C-alpha atoms as a PDB file:
ATOM      1  CA  MET A   1      -5.425 304.917 193.247  1.00  0.00           C
ATOM      2  CA  GLY A   2      -5.443 306.592 190.190  1.00  0.00           C
ATOM      3  CA  ALA A   3      -7.684 306.526 187.565  1.00  0.00           C
ATOM      4  CA  LYS A   4      -7.107 304.337 184.532  1.00  0.00           C
ATOM      5  CA  ARG A   5      -7.992 302.688 181.735  1.00  0.00           C
ATOM      6  CA  LYS A   6      -9.118 299.438 179.682  1.00  0.00           C
ATOM      7  CA  PHE A   7     -10.299 298.516 176.492  1.00  0.00           C
ATOM      8  CA  LEU A   8     -13.475 296.138 176.251  1.00  0.00           C
ATOM      9  CA  THR A   9     -15.077 294.422 173.483  1.00  0.00           C
ATOM     10  CA  ARG A  10     -18.557 294.083 172.983  1.00  0.00           C
ATOM     11  CA  ASP A  11     -18.540 290.637 175.269  1.00  0.00           C
ATOM     12  CA  GLU A  12     -17.591 292.331 178.227  1.00  0.00           C
ATOM     13  CA  TYR A  13     -19.146 295.522 177.816  1.00  0.00           C
ATOM     14  CA  GLU A  14     -22.286 293.957 177.928  1.00  0.00           C
ATOM     15  CA  GLU A  15     -21.331 291.703 180.858  1.00  0.00           C
ATOM     16  CA  ILE A  16     -21.695 294.946 182.832  1.00  0.00           C
ATOM     17  CA  ALA A  17     -24.415 296.856 180.612  1.00  0.00           C
ATOM     18  CA  HIS A  18     -27.881 295.526 182.157  1.00  0.00           C
ATOM     19  CA  SER A  19     -29.399 298.900 182.225  1.00  0.00           C
ATOM     20  CA  ALA A  20     -31.654 300.836 180.102  1.00  0.00           C
ATOM     21  CA  GLU A  21     -32.181 304.878 179.652  1.00  0.00           C
ATOM     22  CA  TRP A  22     -30.134 305.306 182.725  1.00  0.00           C
ATOM     23  CA  HIS A  23     -31.788 303.378 185.109  1.00  0.00           C
ATOM     24  CA  ILE A  24     -29.726 301.715 188.068  1.00  0.00           C
ATOM     25  CA  VAL A  25     -29.412 298.301 188.672  1.00  0.00           C
ATOM     26  CA  GLU A  26     -27.607 296.257 190.719  1.00  0.00           C
ATOM     27  CA  LEU A  27     -24.917 293.997 189.414  1.00  0.00           C
ATOM     28  CA  ASP A  28     -24.709 290.422 190.538  1.00  0.00           C
ATOM     29  CA  LEU A  29     -21.003 290.869 192.732  1.00  0.00           C
ATOM     30  CA  SER A  30     -19.408 287.515 190.576  1.00  0.00           C
ATOM     31  CA  THR A  31     -20.373 289.663 187.116  1.00  0.00           C
ATOM     32  CA  ILE A  32     -18.254 292.105 188.847  1.00  0.00           C
ATOM     33  CA  ARG A  33     -15.220 290.138 189.796  1.00  0.00           C
ATOM     34  CA  ALA A  34     -14.896 288.491 186.918  1.00  0.00           C
ATOM     35  CA  ALA A  35     -14.985 292.187 184.406  1.00  0.00           C
ATOM     36  CA  PRO A  36     -11.613 293.560 183.484  1.00  0.00           C
ATOM     37  CA  GLY A  37     -10.613 296.156 185.059  1.00  0.00           C
ATOM     38  CA  ILE A  38     -12.219 296.817 188.098  1.00  0.00           C
ATOM     39  CA  GLN A  39     -10.132 297.069 190.819  1.00  0.00           C
ATOM     40  CA  ARG A  40      -9.888 295.445 194.170  1.00  0.00           C
ATOM     41  CA  LYS A  41     -12.491 292.980 193.089  1.00  0.00           C
ATOM     42  CA  ASP A  42     -11.677 290.695 196.827  1.00  0.00           C
ATOM     43  CA  ASP A  43     -13.205 293.843 198.481  1.00  0.00           C
ATOM     44  CA  VAL A  44     -16.458 294.440 196.788  1.00  0.00           C
ATOM     45  CA  LEU A  45     -19.320 294.985 198.822  1.00  0.00           C
ATOM     46  CA  GLY A  46     -21.689 295.763 195.644  1.00  0.00           C
ATOM     47  CA  VAL A  47     -22.190 297.533 192.479  1.00  0.00           C
ATOM     48  CA  PHE A  48     -24.522 299.933 191.150  1.00  0.00           C
ATOM     49  CA  ALA A  49     -24.428 300.637 187.209  1.00  0.00           C
ATOM     50  CA  SER A  50     -27.009 301.798 184.946  1.00  0.00           C
ATOM     51  CA  GLY A  51     -26.126 303.764 181.415  1.00  0.00           C
ATOM     52  CA  ASP A  52     -27.929 304.241 177.862  1.00  0.00           C
ATOM     53  CA  ALA A  53     -25.353 302.912 174.730  1.00  0.00           C
ATOM     54  CA  ASN A  54     -27.152 305.610 172.538  1.00  0.00           C
ATOM     55  CA  ALA A  55     -27.833 308.159 175.200  1.00  0.00           C
ATOM     56  CA  SER A  56     -24.442 309.148 176.847  1.00  0.00           C
ATOM     57  CA  LYS A  57     -23.557 311.502 179.574  1.00  0.00           C
ATOM     58  CA  LEU A  58     -20.854 313.725 181.295  1.00  0.00           C
ATOM     59  CA  LEU A  59     -19.333 311.552 183.918  1.00  0.00           C
ATOM     60  CA  ASN A  60     -16.081 312.387 184.913  1.00  0.00           C
ATOM     61  CA  ASN A  61     -15.484 314.112 182.419  1.00  0.00           C
ATOM     62  CA  GLN A  62     -15.960 311.355 180.085  1.00  0.00           C
ATOM     63  CA  ASP A  63     -18.257 310.917 177.261  1.00  0.00           C
ATOM     64  CA  ALA A  64     -20.157 308.248 178.545  1.00  0.00           C
ATOM     65  CA  ILE A  65     -22.426 305.465 178.007  1.00  0.00           C
ATOM     66  CA  LEU A  66     -22.395 303.666 181.552  1.00  0.00           C
ATOM     67  CA  GLY A  67     -21.902 304.741 185.208  1.00  0.00           C
ATOM     68  CA  MET A  68     -21.398 302.686 188.033  1.00  0.00           C
ATOM     69  CA  ASP A  69     -20.015 302.662 191.966  1.00  0.00           C
ATOM     70  CA  VAL A  70     -18.390 299.955 193.405  1.00  0.00           C
ATOM     71  CA  ILE A  71     -18.080 299.760 196.926  1.00  0.00           C
ATOM     72  CA  VAL A  72     -16.038 298.483 198.648  1.00  0.00           C
ATOM     73  CA  TYR A  73     -14.808 297.434 202.955  1.00  0.00           C
ATOM     74  CA  GLU A  74     -11.599 299.172 203.853  1.00  0.00           C
ATOM     75  CA  CYS A  75     -10.623 296.869 206.010  1.00  0.00           C
ATOM     76  CA  ARG A  76      -7.753 299.858 207.364  1.00  0.00           C
ATOM     77  CA  PRO A  77      -9.557 303.007 207.273  1.00  0.00           C
ATOM     78  CA  LYS A  78      -7.537 305.995 208.107  1.00  0.00           C
ATOM     79  CA  THR A  79      -9.714 307.492 210.553  1.00  0.00           C
ATOM     80  CA  GLU A  80      -7.827 310.947 210.626  1.00  0.00           C
ATOM     81  CA  ALA A  81      -8.150 311.262 207.238  1.00  0.00           C
ATOM     82  CA  GLY A  82     -11.746 310.591 207.121  1.00  0.00           C
ATOM     83  CA  GLU A  83     -11.823 307.389 206.222  1.00  0.00           C
ATOM     84  CA  TRP A  84     -14.321 304.654 206.923  1.00  0.00           C
ATOM     85  CA  PHE A  85     -15.317 300.515 206.554  1.00  0.00           C
ATOM     86  CA  VAL A  86     -16.448 302.012 203.279  1.00  0.00           C
ATOM     87  CA  ASN A  87     -15.101 303.550 200.112  1.00  0.00           C
ATOM     88  CA  ALA A  88     -17.156 304.125 196.673  1.00  0.00           C
ATOM     89  CA  TYR A  89     -15.571 304.259 193.319  1.00  0.00           C
ATOM     90  CA  HIS A  90     -16.630 305.007 190.318  1.00  0.00           C
ATOM     91  CA  TYR A  91     -16.116 303.791 187.076  1.00  0.00           C
ATOM     92  CA  VAL A  92     -17.186 304.981 184.094  1.00  0.00           C
ATOM     93  CA  VAL A  93     -17.420 303.383 180.091  1.00  0.00           C
ATOM     94  CA  THR A  94     -16.979 305.051 176.598  1.00  0.00           C
ATOM     95  CA  HIS A  95     -17.192 304.255 173.104  1.00  0.00           C
ATOM     96  CA  THR A  96     -14.191 303.462 171.427  1.00  0.00           C
ATOM     97  CA  GLY A  97     -14.929 303.428 168.154  1.00  0.00           C
ATOM     98  CA  HIS A  98     -11.934 300.910 167.316  1.00  0.00           C
ATOM     99  CA  ARG A  99     -13.922 297.539 165.965  1.00  0.00           C
ATOM    100  CA  ASP A 100     -12.144 295.003 168.413  1.00  0.00           C
ATOM    101  CA  TYR A 101     -12.544 297.154 171.276  1.00  0.00           C
ATOM    102  CA  PRO A 102     -15.635 298.883 171.033  1.00  0.00           C
ATOM    103  CA  TYR A 103     -15.774 300.520 174.187  1.00  0.00           C
ATOM    104  CA  CYS A 104     -13.224 301.798 177.351  1.00  0.00           C
ATOM    105  CA  LEU A 105     -13.647 301.614 180.818  1.00  0.00           C
ATOM    106  CA  HIS A 106     -11.765 304.488 183.035  1.00  0.00           C
ATOM    107  CA  GLY A 107     -11.573 304.417 186.380  1.00  0.00           C
ATOM    108  CA  PRO A 108     -12.051 304.137 189.492  1.00  0.00           C
ATOM    109  CA  PHE A 109     -12.432 307.917 190.556  1.00  0.00           C
ATOM    110  CA  THR A 110     -13.539 309.053 193.603  1.00  0.00           C
ATOM    111  CA  LYS A 111     -15.421 311.954 192.776  1.00  0.00           C
ATOM    112  CA  GLU A 112     -19.079 311.575 191.484  1.00  0.00           C
ATOM    113  CA  THR A 113     -19.785 308.771 193.495  1.00  0.00           C
ATOM    114  CA  LEU A 114     -24.122 308.676 194.285  1.00  0.00           C
ATOM    115  CA  ILE A 115     -22.879 307.910 197.982  1.00  0.00           C
ATOM    116  CA  GLY A 116     -19.322 309.834 198.094  1.00  0.00           C
ATOM    117  CA  HIS A 117     -16.566 308.316 198.105  1.00  0.00           C
ATOM    118  CA  TRP A 118     -15.854 307.631 202.292  1.00  0.00           C
ATOM    119  CA  PRO A 119     -19.814 307.402 202.697  1.00  0.00           C
ATOM    120  CA  PRO A 120     -20.313 308.125 206.422  1.00  0.00           C
ATOM    121  CA  CYS A 121     -22.654 304.899 206.776  1.00  0.00           C
ATOM    122  CA  LEU A 122     -23.717 302.198 204.632  1.00  0.00           C
ATOM    123  CA  ASP A 123     -27.053 304.159 202.943  1.00  0.00           C
ATOM    124  CA  LEU A 124     -27.550 302.831 199.918  1.00  0.00           C
ATOM    125  CA  SER A 125     -30.987 304.764 199.407  1.00  0.00           C
ATOM    126  CA  PRO A 126     -29.326 307.467 196.173  1.00  0.00           C
ATOM    127  CA  TYR A 127     -29.054 303.647 194.148  1.00  0.00           C
ATOM    128  CA  GLU A 128     -33.169 303.101 194.977  1.00  0.00           C
ATOM    129  CA  LYS A 129     -33.907 305.532 192.764  1.00  0.00           C
ATOM    130  CA  SER A 130     -33.658 305.431 189.207  1.00  0.00           C
ATOM    131  CA  GLY A 131     -32.708 307.947 186.392  1.00  0.00           C
ATOM    132  CA  HIS A 132     -28.950 308.211 188.063  1.00  0.00           C
ATOM    133  CA  SER A 133     -25.638 307.248 187.128  1.00  0.00           C
END
């Protein structure tokens, strides 16, 4: 699954941008399933996002204003490759400067998730700490 880009309207961005000053918030599953550009929506178990539209961070080589980990169920893990029944993907949002589509969603990335791409267990405690992306 390679990283892709999806341009977002202001309304589409505001549907997923519920964080201030890079504090982690858990997004409602219905919100993320309605969001454009998110892959494997039917397998989503949880989404944790943080961001700040006024203070960007370098995430996955992007000047990001929002980062989020999308945790999905893996029904057929490749155990010989180290996979488990959960995968975590990282998405980031950047400013574009475009009038109609001022934001761009990049991802999914397999790096920079707080729990790793193939976590050995479903330990969500890293998301309880604020100040991460």
